[in-house]
């Protein structure tokens, strides 16, 4: 953008571009031209305006509190706002700022503000405004399979390439599943091309010989990364629960389960290495219909709708997990699957092309990289492991270990009365009750931050783990 518009920068801070864009074309254009992840508050004292904006998928967190008498508080975490004492107002509603929106507020001479409008500047299906600044030439149109596969490869590679801008060392989370493996493979290839002179560090976490560790090892050997394994011990995992819930600011079951491993691997990266900019495979399951329950979608159209719903809610679940667990340890997350251009292209494809095929989810994505030799075939076609299951040992899953521990912590009677104590989103299991108790200890009365629990669709599920679904085939059971 600096080159494109000839902006004259006075600092080396990437956020400076926001001021120049605003000066050039106002808030709508500023928010729409930013290719990446952001959350900002911009103060225009000359025109007495305040603006808030957040990226399309809400990868970067943003919370606000606005009292009736015009006191505004903004923070990247809700915990920074809940204890704000303001002379004239009572405990006000702290809420997440909606992704893909900007808000305009009037600034009064007294320093108070009043909201004027909240505008949705980008929808995940729309091609982003910043495509004009992109380095990728116009792609061939048409939906024949070869064209589509080639476009997916070009746009995904471009999504990774863009994110190589970094002042600090780049690393990559690698679970051995399709998504993180693709990110790691493409990342390594591009780092070689632009002669980055240090090896790519990849990071996996799991219990001894867990499916994820074994698969990640294969990928690391294939792509040639400097691979690190973090062995999860049960006690450490259980001890981290409270810290994790405090960092996440949610009581969603699957989010907490999956966050424990990610939190501990981030802790390791921070302590033991100098990698700071961390690439990850988040967003792919939502975009490319990777969840196992997509096999049960009544029609391709309904599957496509579900995919969009999941993308809209990412900021409450997977992206919240990924941002908070890494940021808790001072790491900077990069998520190429949520590149605006890549997602808008993928969502523009016919619904029929995007559904699971031959019993394999993310079929189109896998097929697109089939001849690239980026990954071993068995990884490219590896069935989905739920994150909290993949890090488990073959003998016992992580979530059943968690549940056994929690069983001892929560009395049956407490669970029976759960709906009385927590009428909103009442916990249905001991595990859910346990998490909710910890959440309420830190964020009492804020249960509305989570509108609903993450649950699979189209199946009778009482637990969000894929392992409980009837058609779950773990590689270890075949």
Protein backbone atom coordinates (compact mmCIF):
# COMPACT_ATOMS: atom_id res chain seq x y z
CA UNK A 1 0.00 0.00 0.00
CA UNK A 2 2.88 2.31 0.77
CA UNK A 3 4.33 1.71 -2.71
CA UNK A 4 0.95 1.75 -4.44
CA UNK A 5 -0.10 5.15 -3.08
CA UNK A 6 3.35 6.64 -2.45
CA UNK A 7 2.76 7.16 1.27
CA UNK A 8 5.57 8.91 3.09
CA UNK A 9 6.20 6.89 6.26
CA UNK A 10 7.78 8.47 9.31
CA UNK A 11 8.18 5.24 11.30
CA UNK A 12 8.81 1.53 10.73
CA UNK A 13 5.51 0.64 12.39
CA UNK A 14 3.18 -1.31 10.09
CA UNK A 15 0.15 0.34 11.72
CA UNK A 16 1.19 3.71 10.30
CA UNK A 17 -0.43 2.79 6.99
CA UNK A 18 -3.85 3.09 8.69
CA UNK A 19 -3.35 6.83 9.20
CA UNK A 20 -2.33 7.41 5.57
CA UNK A 21 -5.21 5.34 4.22
CA UNK A 22 -7.69 7.20 6.41
CA UNK A 23 -6.26 10.55 5.36
CA UNK A 24 -6.55 9.54 1.72
CA UNK A 25 -9.99 7.94 1.58
CA UNK A 26 -11.81 7.85 4.92
CA UNK A 27 -12.70 4.94 7.20
CA UNK A 28 -14.60 2.73 4.73
CA UNK A 29 -11.66 2.57 2.36
CA UNK A 30 -9.15 2.16 5.19
CA UNK A 31 -10.84 -0.93 6.61
CA UNK A 32 -11.46 -2.43 3.16
CA UNK A 33 -7.91 -1.93 1.87
CA UNK A 34 -6.16 -3.64 4.79
CA UNK A 35 -5.17 -7.13 3.68
CA UNK A 36 -4.59 -9.10 6.83
CA UNK A 37 -5.60 -9.11 10.46
CA UNK A 38 -6.17 -6.05 12.59
CA UNK A 39 -8.15 -4.35 15.31
CA UNK A 40 -7.77 -0.62 15.79
CA UNK A 41 -9.18 2.52 17.33
CA UNK A 42 -8.56 5.71 15.38
CA UNK A 43 -9.04 9.17 16.81
CA UNK A 44 -9.73 12.07 14.42
CA UNK A 45 -9.69 15.11 16.70
CA UNK A 46 -10.00 17.64 13.85
CA UNK A 47 -13.34 16.19 12.75
CA UNK A 48 -14.30 15.05 16.28
CA UNK A 49 -14.72 11.41 15.30
CA UNK A 50 -13.63 8.08 16.78
CA UNK A 51 -13.49 4.90 14.68
CA UNK A 52 -13.22 1.25 15.67
CA UNK A 53 -12.56 -1.54 13.18
CA UNK A 54 -11.78 -5.24 13.17
CA UNK A 55 -10.67 -7.67 10.46
CA UNK A 56 -13.08 -9.88 8.49
CA UNK A 57 -12.73 -13.01 10.64
CA UNK A 58 -11.84 -11.35 13.92
CA UNK A 59 -8.44 -13.03 14.10
CA UNK A 60 -7.29 -10.08 16.19
CA UNK A 61 -9.39 -9.58 19.32
CA UNK A 62 -11.25 -6.37 20.14
CA UNK A 63 -13.63 -5.64 23.00
CA UNK A 64 -15.48 -2.49 23.90
CA UNK A 65 -17.63 -1.03 26.60
CA UNK A 66 -19.81 2.01 25.95
CA UNK A 67 -21.85 3.42 28.81
CA UNK A 68 -25.15 5.29 28.49
CA UNK A 69 -23.40 8.52 29.40
CA UNK A 70 -20.82 8.20 26.62
CA UNK A 71 -17.76 6.69 28.30
CA UNK A 72 -15.89 4.43 25.85
CA UNK A 73 -13.37 1.74 26.77
CA UNK A 74 -11.55 -0.41 24.20
CA UNK A 75 -9.19 -3.32 24.76
CA UNK A 76 -7.81 -6.36 22.99
CA UNK A 77 -9.01 -8.50 25.89
CA UNK A 78 -12.25 -8.31 27.82
CA UNK A 79 -10.38 -8.65 31.12
CA UNK A 80 -8.95 -5.18 30.59
CA UNK A 81 -12.44 -3.65 30.69
CA UNK A 82 -14.44 -5.58 33.29
CA UNK A 83 -13.05 -3.77 36.30
CA UNK A 84 -12.95 -0.29 34.80
CA UNK A 85 -14.27 2.06 37.43
CA UNK A 86 -16.03 5.06 35.99
CA UNK A 87 -17.52 7.64 38.27
CA UNK A 88 -20.97 7.93 36.75
CA UNK A 89 -21.74 4.50 35.41
CA UNK A 90 -22.58 1.13 36.79
CA UNK A 91 -21.07 -2.13 35.62
CA UNK A 92 -21.52 -1.87 31.85
CA UNK A 93 -21.77 -4.44 29.15
CA UNK A 94 -18.38 -5.50 27.82
CA UNK A 95 -18.82 -7.10 24.41
CA UNK A 96 -16.71 -8.36 21.53
CA UNK A 97 -16.59 -5.96 18.60
CA UNK A 98 -18.04 -7.67 15.52
CA UNK A 99 -15.52 -8.90 12.92
CA UNK A 100 -15.66 -7.33 9.44
CA UNK A 101 -17.23 -4.13 10.84
CA UNK A 102 -16.23 -0.59 11.59
CA UNK A 103 -18.03 1.80 13.93
CA UNK A 104 -18.22 5.57 13.71
CA UNK A 105 -18.62 7.55 16.95
CA UNK A 106 -18.99 11.28 17.51
CA UNK A 107 -16.50 12.81 19.93
CA UNK A 108 -18.09 15.48 22.12
CA UNK A 109 -16.12 18.44 23.54
CA UNK A 110 -16.48 16.80 26.98
CA UNK A 111 -14.53 13.75 25.78
CA UNK A 112 -17.69 11.59 25.79
CA UNK A 113 -18.74 9.72 22.66
CA UNK A 114 -21.96 8.70 20.93
CA UNK A 115 -22.23 5.89 18.42
CA UNK A 116 -23.34 7.03 14.96
CA UNK A 117 -23.26 3.84 12.89
CA UNK A 118 -21.91 0.31 12.73
CA UNK A 119 -21.04 -0.77 9.17
CA UNK A 120 -20.16 -4.17 7.76
CA UNK A 121 -17.33 -3.41 5.34
CA UNK A 122 -16.52 -6.92 4.14
CA UNK A 123 -18.33 -10.20 3.83
CA UNK A 124 -16.30 -13.39 3.48
CA UNK A 125 -17.86 -14.24 0.09
CA UNK A 126 -17.06 -10.88 -1.50
CA UNK A 127 -13.79 -10.37 -3.30
CA UNK A 128 -11.87 -7.89 -1.13
CA UNK A 129 -11.25 -4.32 -2.27
CA UNK A 130 -7.49 -4.76 -1.94
CA UNK A 131 -7.33 -7.32 -4.78
CA UNK A 132 -6.14 -4.44 -6.98
CA UNK A 133 -2.93 -4.24 -4.94
CA UNK A 134 -2.31 -7.98 -5.11
CA UNK A 135 0.76 -9.44 -6.76
CA UNK A 136 -1.21 -12.32 -8.31
CA UNK A 137 -2.30 -11.67 -11.88
CA UNK A 138 -5.95 -12.14 -12.87
CA UNK A 139 -6.78 -15.81 -12.50
CA UNK A 140 -8.50 -17.80 -15.21
CA UNK A 141 -12.24 -18.09 -14.60
CA UNK A 142 -14.45 -21.13 -15.07
CA UNK A 143 -15.10 -24.11 -12.85
CA UNK A 144 -13.44 -26.97 -14.70
CA UNK A 145 -11.48 -29.01 -12.19
CA UNK A 146 -7.96 -28.33 -13.50
CA UNK A 147 -8.51 -24.55 -13.47
CA UNK A 148 -9.97 -24.66 -9.96
CA UNK A 149 -7.14 -26.80 -8.60
CA UNK A 150 -4.52 -24.52 -10.13
CA UNK A 151 -6.22 -21.39 -8.76
CA UNK A 152 -6.41 -22.92 -5.28
CA UNK A 153 -2.68 -23.67 -5.37
CA UNK A 154 -1.75 -20.20 -6.66
CA UNK A 155 -3.91 -18.35 -4.14
CA UNK A 156 -2.87 -20.48 -1.20
CA UNK A 157 0.80 -20.09 -2.03
CA UNK A 158 0.25 -16.36 -2.37
CA UNK A 159 -1.51 -16.29 1.01
CA UNK A 160 1.57 -17.81 2.64
CA UNK A 161 3.98 -15.60 0.66
CA UNK A 162 2.28 -12.38 1.82
CA UNK A 163 2.67 -13.43 5.42
CA UNK A 164 6.44 -13.84 5.19
CA UNK A 165 6.94 -10.15 6.03
CA UNK A 166 8.46 -10.38 9.48
CA UNK A 167 11.12 -8.72 11.60
CA UNK A 168 11.29 -11.72 13.90
CA UNK A 169 11.97 -15.40 13.32
CA UNK A 170 9.20 -17.42 11.66
CA UNK A 171 8.07 -20.80 13.01
CA UNK A 172 5.11 -23.07 12.33
CA UNK A 173 2.74 -25.21 14.38
CA UNK A 174 2.57 -28.70 12.92
CA UNK A 175 0.00 -31.19 14.15
CA UNK A 176 0.53 -33.58 11.26
CA UNK A 177 -3.02 -32.98 10.03
CA UNK A 178 -3.64 -31.75 6.49
CA UNK A 179 -3.95 -28.04 7.26
CA UNK A 180 -0.88 -27.34 9.35
CA UNK A 181 1.14 -29.71 7.13
CA UNK A 182 0.20 -27.80 3.98
CA UNK A 183 1.04 -24.50 5.64
CA UNK A 184 4.42 -25.83 6.83
CA UNK A 185 5.31 -27.36 3.44
CA UNK A 186 4.43 -24.24 1.43
CA UNK A 187 6.11 -22.02 4.01
CA UNK A 188 9.36 -23.95 3.83
CA UNK A 189 9.34 -23.94 0.03
CA UNK A 190 8.85 -20.15 -0.09
CA UNK A 191 11.42 -19.45 2.62
CA UNK A 192 13.99 -21.27 0.46
CA UNK A 193 12.94 -19.29 -2.61
CA UNK A 194 13.50 -15.93 -0.92
CA UNK A 195 16.68 -17.17 0.78
CA UNK A 196 15.66 -16.85 4.40
CA UNK A 197 18.87 -18.02 5.99
CA UNK A 198 17.60 -19.88 9.05
CA UNK A 199 15.86 -23.26 9.21
CA UNK A 200 12.11 -23.35 9.72
CA UNK A 201 11.27 -24.60 13.19
CA UNK A 202 8.10 -26.71 13.37
CA UNK A 203 6.35 -27.58 16.63
CA UNK A 204 4.14 -30.52 17.56
CA UNK A 205 2.57 -31.47 20.90
CA UNK A 206 1.11 -34.74 22.05
CA UNK A 207 1.39 -37.65 24.43
CA UNK A 208 4.08 -40.27 23.76
CA UNK A 209 3.42 -41.83 20.34
CA UNK A 210 0.15 -39.99 19.82
CA UNK A 211 -1.22 -39.99 16.24
CA UNK A 212 -0.35 -36.29 15.83
CA UNK A 213 3.25 -36.65 16.93
CA UNK A 214 3.89 -39.55 14.56
CA UNK A 215 2.25 -37.78 11.61
CA UNK A 216 4.04 -34.49 12.34
CA UNK A 217 7.36 -36.34 12.46
CA UNK A 218 6.70 -37.74 8.98
CA UNK A 219 5.87 -34.30 7.59
CA UNK A 220 8.92 -32.65 9.18
CA UNK A 221 11.18 -35.35 7.74
CA UNK A 222 9.59 -34.93 4.30
CA UNK A 223 9.88 -31.13 4.16
CA UNK A 224 13.14 -30.91 6.10
CA UNK A 225 12.21 -28.61 8.98
CA UNK A 226 13.98 -28.33 12.32
CA UNK A 227 11.33 -30.20 14.26
CA UNK A 228 10.49 -29.86 17.96
CA UNK A 229 8.24 -32.24 19.89
CA UNK A 230 6.58 -31.28 23.13
CA UNK A 231 5.43 -34.25 25.18
CA UNK A 232 2.20 -33.45 26.97
CA UNK A 233 1.99 -34.96 30.39
CA UNK A 234 -1.46 -35.33 31.88
CA UNK A 235 -0.70 -33.45 35.05
CA UNK A 236 0.70 -30.43 33.26
CA UNK A 237 -2.34 -30.37 31.00
CA UNK A 238 -4.76 -30.49 33.91
CA UNK A 239 -2.83 -27.85 35.84
CA UNK A 240 -3.01 -25.49 32.86
CA UNK A 241 -6.84 -25.52 32.67
CA UNK A 242 -7.41 -22.45 34.83
CA UNK A 243 -4.70 -20.34 33.15
CA UNK A 244 -6.11 -21.36 29.79
CA UNK A 245 -9.69 -20.35 30.66
CA UNK A 246 -8.41 -17.07 32.08
CA UNK A 247 -6.55 -16.37 28.80
CA UNK A 248 -9.41 -17.48 26.52
CA UNK A 249 -12.29 -15.72 28.30
CA UNK A 250 -14.68 -18.50 27.29
CA UNK A 251 -16.23 -21.62 28.78
CA UNK A 252 -16.80 -23.40 25.47
CA UNK A 253 -15.94 -27.07 25.90
CA UNK A 254 -14.16 -27.94 22.66
CA UNK A 255 -12.30 -24.61 22.61
CA UNK A 256 -10.86 -25.22 26.07
CA UNK A 257 -9.92 -28.84 25.34
CA UNK A 258 -8.06 -27.92 22.18
CA UNK A 259 -6.48 -24.83 23.75
CA UNK A 260 -4.58 -26.72 26.42
CA UNK A 261 -2.19 -28.33 23.93
CA UNK A 262 -1.81 -25.11 21.97
CA UNK A 263 -1.18 -23.09 25.12
CA UNK A 264 1.54 -25.49 26.29
CA UNK A 265 3.24 -25.67 22.89
CA UNK A 266 3.24 -21.84 22.74
CA UNK A 267 4.80 -21.75 26.21
CA UNK A 268 7.54 -24.08 24.96
CA UNK A 269 8.18 -21.96 21.83
CA UNK A 270 8.54 -18.83 23.94
CA UNK A 271 10.87 -20.41 26.50
CA UNK A 272 13.04 -22.64 24.38
CA UNK A 273 13.31 -21.00 20.93
CA UNK A 274 13.53 -17.62 19.25
CA UNK A 275 10.62 -18.18 16.84
CA UNK A 276 8.02 -15.44 17.37
CA UNK A 277 5.91 -15.21 14.20
CA UNK A 278 3.94 -18.45 14.22
CA UNK A 279 2.09 -19.86 11.22
CA UNK A 280 -0.88 -22.12 11.78
CA UNK A 281 -3.61 -23.99 9.87
CA UNK A 282 -6.65 -22.33 11.50
CA UNK A 283 -9.70 -21.59 9.38
CA UNK A 284 -9.31 -24.46 6.95
CA UNK A 285 -11.90 -26.75 8.58
CA UNK A 286 -14.52 -24.02 8.43
CA UNK A 287 -13.65 -22.94 4.89
CA UNK A 288 -13.09 -26.31 3.24
CA UNK A 289 -15.72 -28.30 5.19
CA UNK A 290 -13.21 -30.30 7.18
CA UNK A 291 -15.35 -31.29 10.14
CA UNK A 292 -16.47 -34.88 10.10
CA UNK A 293 -20.13 -33.99 10.48
CA UNK A 294 -20.08 -32.43 6.97
CA UNK A 295 -20.46 -36.01 5.68
CA UNK A 296 -24.01 -35.81 7.04
CA UNK A 297 -24.97 -32.53 5.33
CA UNK A 298 -28.43 -32.90 3.73
CA UNK A 299 -27.29 -31.08 0.54
CA UNK A 300 -24.24 -29.29 -0.91
CA UNK A 301 -26.11 -25.97 -0.50
CA UNK A 302 -26.69 -26.57 3.21
CA UNK A 303 -23.07 -27.58 3.62
CA UNK A 304 -22.02 -24.31 1.94
CA UNK A 305 -24.29 -22.33 4.28
CA UNK A 306 -22.87 -24.13 7.31
CA UNK A 307 -19.35 -23.34 6.12
CA UNK A 308 -20.20 -19.62 6.03
CA UNK A 309 -21.82 -19.75 9.46
CA UNK A 310 -18.68 -21.34 10.91
CA UNK A 311 -16.47 -18.69 9.31
CA UNK A 312 -18.64 -15.92 10.78
CA UNK A 313 -18.32 -17.48 14.23
CA UNK A 314 -14.59 -18.20 14.10
CA UNK A 315 -13.90 -15.28 16.45
CA UNK A 316 -15.87 -17.07 19.19
CA UNK A 317 -14.14 -20.44 18.76
CA UNK A 318 -11.10 -21.56 16.75
CA UNK A 319 -9.58 -18.19 16.02
CA UNK A 320 -10.17 -17.10 19.61
CA UNK A 321 -8.29 -20.21 20.74
CA UNK A 322 -5.43 -19.72 18.31
CA UNK A 323 -4.95 -16.02 19.02
CA UNK A 324 -5.21 -16.17 22.80
CA UNK A 325 -3.05 -19.24 23.38
CA UNK A 326 -0.21 -17.83 21.25
CA UNK A 327 -0.58 -14.21 22.37
CA UNK A 328 -0.56 -15.34 26.02
CA UNK A 329 3.11 -16.15 25.40
CA UNK A 330 3.95 -13.11 23.27
CA UNK A 331 3.80 -14.93 19.93
CA UNK A 332 2.27 -13.50 16.76
CA UNK A 333 -0.14 -15.79 14.92
CA UNK A 334 -0.45 -15.89 11.11
CA UNK A 335 -3.28 -17.80 9.45
CA UNK A 336 -2.93 -18.10 5.65
CA UNK A 337 -6.12 -20.16 5.22
CA UNK A 338 -8.08 -17.05 6.23
CA UNK A 339 -6.52 -14.90 3.52
CA UNK A 340 -9.40 -12.77 2.14
CA UNK A 341 -8.64 -13.54 -1.47
CA UNK A 342 -8.24 -17.26 -0.87
CA UNK A 343 -11.45 -17.55 1.17
CA UNK A 344 -13.57 -15.46 -1.22
CA UNK A 345 -12.39 -17.59 -4.14
CA UNK A 346 -13.02 -20.88 -2.34
CA UNK A 347 -16.51 -19.76 -1.30
CA UNK A 348 -17.31 -18.71 -4.88
CA UNK A 349 -16.87 -22.29 -6.11
CA UNK A 350 -20.00 -24.35 -6.81
CA UNK A 351 -21.34 -25.95 -3.61
CA UNK A 352 -21.10 -29.38 -5.23
CA UNK A 353 -17.32 -29.07 -5.63
CA UNK A 354 -16.70 -28.29 -1.96
CA UNK A 355 -18.44 -31.17 -0.19
CA UNK A 356 -16.69 -34.31 1.16
CA UNK A 357 -16.29 -37.01 -1.52
CA UNK A 358 -15.60 -40.75 -1.32
CA UNK A 359 -15.92 -40.51 2.46
CA UNK A 360 -13.09 -37.96 2.62
CA UNK A 361 -13.56 -34.44 3.92
CA UNK A 362 -11.67 -31.48 2.33
CA UNK A 363 -11.54 -33.56 -0.84
CA UNK A 364 -11.04 -30.61 -3.20
CA UNK A 365 -8.22 -29.10 -1.13
CA UNK A 366 -6.40 -32.44 -0.99
CA UNK A 367 -6.91 -33.04 -4.69
CA UNK A 368 -5.51 -29.60 -5.54
CA UNK A 369 -2.15 -30.52 -3.98
CA UNK A 370 -2.17 -34.17 -5.11
CA UNK A 371 0.62 -33.75 -7.70
CA UNK A 372 2.66 -31.11 -5.91
CA UNK A 373 4.86 -33.53 -3.94
CA UNK A 374 4.66 -31.06 -1.05
CA UNK A 375 3.51 -33.78 1.34
CA UNK A 376 3.64 -37.57 1.66
CA UNK A 377 0.47 -39.10 0.20
CA UNK A 378 -0.62 -40.62 3.52
CA UNK A 379 -0.54 -37.16 5.12
CA UNK A 380 -2.32 -35.46 2.25
CA UNK A 381 -5.15 -37.98 2.57
CA UNK A 382 -4.98 -38.47 6.35
CA UNK A 383 -8.48 -38.46 7.92
CA UNK A 384 -9.41 -35.67 10.29
CA UNK A 385 -8.37 -36.02 13.93
CA UNK A 386 -10.05 -33.74 16.40
CA UNK A 387 -7.22 -31.63 17.85
CA UNK A 388 -7.88 -32.71 21.41
CA UNK A 389 -7.90 -36.34 20.20
CA UNK A 390 -4.89 -36.18 17.91
CA UNK A 391 -2.62 -35.17 20.78
CA UNK A 392 -3.81 -38.13 22.84
CA UNK A 393 -2.17 -41.46 23.20
CA UNK A 394 -3.66 -44.38 21.31
CA UNK A 395 -4.72 -46.05 24.54
CA UNK A 396 -6.72 -43.17 25.97
CA UNK A 397 -7.93 -39.94 24.41
CA UNK A 398 -7.06 -36.58 25.94
CA UNK A 399 -10.70 -35.74 26.42
CA UNK A 400 -11.45 -38.95 28.32
CA UNK A 401 -8.42 -38.30 30.55
CA UNK A 402 -9.80 -34.81 31.22
CA UNK A 403 -13.25 -36.19 31.93
CA UNK A 404 -11.94 -38.83 34.36
CA UNK A 405 -10.14 -36.14 36.33
CA UNK A 406 -13.12 -33.78 36.33
CA UNK A 407 -15.48 -36.56 37.37
CA UNK A 408 -13.73 -36.50 40.74
CA UNK A 409 -14.01 -32.71 40.99
CA UNK A 410 -17.71 -32.15 40.35
CA UNK A 411 -20.41 -33.62 42.53
CA UNK A 412 -23.45 -35.24 40.86
CA UNK A 413 -25.75 -32.99 42.86
CA UNK A 414 -24.06 -29.85 41.51
CA UNK A 415 -24.66 -31.00 37.97
CA UNK A 416 -28.32 -31.73 38.69
CA UNK A 417 -28.79 -28.14 39.82
CA UNK A 418 -26.66 -26.65 37.04
CA UNK A 419 -29.58 -25.11 35.16
CA UNK A 420 -30.70 -23.25 38.28
CA UNK A 421 -27.24 -21.88 38.95
CA UNK A 422 -26.42 -21.14 35.31
CA UNK A 423 -29.69 -20.59 33.44
CA UNK A 424 -27.88 -19.25 30.34
CA UNK A 425 -26.06 -22.02 28.38
CA UNK A 426 -26.49 -24.45 31.30
CA UNK A 427 -23.70 -27.06 31.56
CA UNK A 428 -24.92 -30.55 30.62
CA UNK A 429 -21.82 -32.50 31.67
CA UNK A 430 -19.39 -32.42 34.58
CA UNK A 431 -16.62 -31.26 32.29
CA UNK A 432 -18.70 -28.36 31.06
CA UNK A 433 -19.70 -27.51 34.66
CA UNK A 434 -16.06 -27.52 35.77
CA UNK A 435 -15.03 -25.09 33.03
CA UNK A 436 -18.01 -22.86 33.74
CA UNK A 437 -17.11 -22.63 37.44
CA UNK A 438 -13.60 -21.45 36.59
CA UNK A 439 -14.96 -18.99 34.01
CA UNK A 440 -17.44 -17.52 36.52
CA UNK A 441 -14.67 -17.19 39.11
CA UNK A 442 -12.82 -14.80 36.78
CA UNK A 443 -15.67 -13.35 34.73
CA UNK A 444 -18.73 -13.51 36.91
CA UNK A 445 -22.00 -12.76 35.14
CA UNK A 446 -20.38 -12.51 31.69
CA UNK A 447 -21.71 -15.79 30.28
CA UNK A 448 -23.29 -13.97 27.31
CA UNK A 449 -19.82 -13.62 25.73
CA UNK A 450 -20.46 -17.14 24.43
CA UNK A 451 -23.81 -17.13 22.59
CA UNK A 452 -23.85 -20.95 22.32
CA UNK A 453 -21.56 -23.95 22.64
CA UNK A 454 -19.72 -25.25 19.57
CA UNK A 455 -21.51 -28.43 18.47
CA UNK A 456 -21.61 -30.49 15.29
CA UNK A 457 -24.70 -30.23 13.10
CA UNK A 458 -26.95 -32.86 11.51
CA UNK A 459 -25.97 -35.54 14.04
CA UNK A 460 -27.31 -36.36 17.48
CA UNK A 461 -24.29 -35.24 19.45
CA UNK A 462 -24.03 -34.58 23.14
CA UNK A 463 -20.30 -33.90 23.00
CA UNK A 464 -18.39 -31.70 20.56
CA UNK A 465 -15.54 -34.20 20.07
CA UNK A 466 -15.44 -35.89 16.69
CA UNK A 467 -14.41 -39.07 18.46
CA UNK A 468 -17.95 -39.54 19.74
CA UNK A 469 -19.49 -39.38 16.26
CA UNK A 470 -20.53 -42.71 14.78
CA UNK A 471 -18.66 -42.31 11.51
CA UNK A 472 -15.37 -41.29 13.13
CA UNK A 473 -12.60 -43.50 11.76
CA UNK A 474 -9.35 -42.99 13.54
CA UNK A 475 -6.30 -44.19 11.69
CA UNK A 476 -5.52 -46.27 14.75
CA UNK A 477 -8.72 -48.31 14.46
CA UNK A 478 -8.46 -49.46 10.87
